């Protein structure tokens, strides 16, 4: 069956007047809309990045307030703060560590097989 033979019998159809101009106008509008969406997306992305950077920059300052130096100078922690400052006597800690009996571990081989890993 020869398709070109049957297609040659059909009349050629032309587009209605103004069709080509309407398609081109529609394409221009779609292109403008896509460009606007791309700019909006980039703008929102930049705004989010700026907000994240600002939050990361200023969050430690707002979280700690004036910081632990104020707590050390006052000598006590405020009720809303989570700092506890207490003196540490390192001499006493070292002395207590040496007074306790030292532990000695004796390691023995559990298995004689070479295939398995040796466990201690």
Protein backbone atom coordinates (compact mmCIF):
# COMPACT_ATOMS: atom_id res chain seq x y z
CA UNK A 1 0.00 0.00 0.00
CA UNK A 2 1.50 3.29 -1.07
CA UNK A 3 0.66 6.05 1.42
CA UNK A 4 2.08 8.87 -0.68
CA UNK A 5 -0.35 8.00 -3.43
CA UNK A 6 -3.33 8.58 -1.15
CA UNK A 7 -1.83 11.68 0.43
CA UNK A 8 -1.32 13.25 -3.00
CA UNK A 9 -5.10 13.20 -3.55
CA UNK A 10 -5.73 15.39 -0.48
CA UNK A 11 -5.92 19.16 -0.76
CA UNK A 12 -3.30 21.20 1.03
CA UNK A 13 -4.66 23.07 4.02
CA UNK A 14 -3.47 26.52 5.02
CA UNK A 15 -3.54 27.89 8.55
CA UNK A 16 -6.29 30.34 9.47
CA UNK A 17 -5.36 33.99 9.30
CA UNK A 18 -3.45 35.21 12.37
CA UNK A 19 -2.62 31.68 13.56
CA UNK A 20 1.14 32.04 13.17
CA UNK A 21 1.17 35.39 14.99
CA UNK A 22 -0.95 33.95 17.84
CA UNK A 23 1.47 31.04 18.28
CA UNK A 24 4.49 33.36 18.32
CA UNK A 25 2.79 35.65 20.87
CA UNK A 26 2.00 32.69 23.08
CA UNK A 27 5.61 31.49 22.86
CA UNK A 28 6.87 34.94 23.89
CA UNK A 29 4.49 35.01 26.89
CA UNK A 30 5.62 31.53 27.98
CA UNK A 31 9.28 32.54 27.65
CA UNK A 32 8.67 35.66 29.78
CA UNK A 33 6.80 33.59 32.37
CA UNK A 34 9.65 31.04 32.58
CA UNK A 35 12.19 33.86 32.94
CA UNK A 36 10.10 35.44 35.71
CA UNK A 37 9.84 32.09 37.53
CA UNK A 38 13.61 31.56 37.23
CA UNK A 39 14.29 35.02 38.66
CA UNK A 40 11.81 34.41 41.48
CA UNK A 41 13.45 31.08 42.26
CA UNK A 42 16.93 32.61 42.34
CA UNK A 43 15.71 35.51 44.47
CA UNK A 44 14.06 33.21 47.01
CA UNK A 45 17.14 31.01 47.10
CA UNK A 46 19.36 34.02 47.75
CA UNK A 47 17.00 35.23 50.50
CA UNK A 48 17.08 31.84 52.23
CA UNK A 49 20.87 31.71 52.00
CA UNK A 50 21.15 35.19 53.51
CA UNK A 51 18.78 34.23 56.34
CA UNK A 52 20.72 31.05 57.10
CA UNK A 53 24.04 32.91 57.12
CA UNK A 54 22.61 35.63 59.39
CA UNK A 55 21.17 33.04 61.75
CA UNK A 56 24.44 31.12 61.91
CA UNK A 57 26.33 34.37 62.45
CA UNK A 58 24.15 35.90 65.15
CA UNK A 59 22.71 32.82 66.85
CA UNK A 60 25.73 32.18 69.10
CA UNK A 61 25.68 35.82 70.21
CA UNK A 62 21.99 35.78 71.07
CA UNK A 63 22.09 32.32 72.65
CA UNK A 64 24.91 33.04 75.05
CA UNK A 65 24.09 36.67 75.73
CA UNK A 66 27.10 38.23 77.38
CA UNK A 67 28.65 34.80 77.80
CA UNK A 68 30.19 32.81 80.62
CA UNK A 69 32.42 35.72 81.69
CA UNK A 70 29.42 37.42 83.29
CA UNK A 71 28.57 34.22 85.12
CA UNK A 72 32.12 33.85 86.40
CA UNK A 73 32.18 37.43 87.64
CA UNK A 74 28.82 37.04 89.44
CA UNK A 75 29.75 33.72 90.95
CA UNK A 76 26.39 32.10 90.27
CA UNK A 77 24.31 31.07 87.28
CA UNK A 78 21.01 32.68 86.39
CA UNK A 79 17.93 30.48 86.46
CA UNK A 80 17.49 30.51 82.67
CA UNK A 81 21.17 29.76 81.99
CA UNK A 82 22.56 26.23 81.95
CA UNK A 83 26.03 26.95 83.34
CA UNK A 84 27.32 25.52 86.58
CA UNK A 85 30.63 26.88 87.76
CA UNK A 86 32.37 25.02 90.54
CA UNK A 87 36.01 24.87 91.53
CA UNK A 88 38.03 21.75 90.76
CA UNK A 89 40.86 20.65 93.02
CA UNK A 90 43.20 18.81 90.66
CA UNK A 91 45.70 17.90 93.37
CA UNK A 92 43.02 16.00 95.24
CA UNK A 93 41.83 14.27 92.07
CA UNK A 94 45.35 13.09 91.17
CA UNK A 95 46.00 11.91 94.74
CA UNK A 96 42.75 9.90 94.74
CA UNK A 97 43.65 8.29 91.42
CA UNK A 98 46.99 7.01 92.75
CA UNK A 99 45.54 5.75 96.05
CA UNK A 100 43.17 3.35 94.33
CA UNK A 101 44.57 -0.13 93.58
CA UNK A 102 45.75 -0.56 90.01
CA UNK A 103 44.05 -3.24 87.90
CA UNK A 104 46.13 -5.85 86.07
CA UNK A 105 44.65 -7.66 83.11
CA UNK A 106 45.96 -11.11 82.16
CA UNK A 107 45.36 -11.94 78.51
CA UNK A 108 44.94 -15.57 77.55
CA UNK A 109 44.43 -17.11 74.14
CA UNK A 110 40.93 -18.58 73.85
CA UNK A 111 41.22 -20.50 70.59
CA UNK A 112 43.98 -22.60 69.00
CA UNK A 113 42.48 -22.48 65.51
CA UNK A 114 44.28 -20.33 62.96
CA UNK A 115 41.12 -19.78 60.90
CA UNK A 116 39.32 -17.88 63.61
CA UNK A 117 40.52 -14.61 64.95
CA UNK A 118 42.34 -14.82 68.25
CA UNK A 119 40.19 -13.41 71.04
CA UNK A 120 41.57 -12.08 74.29
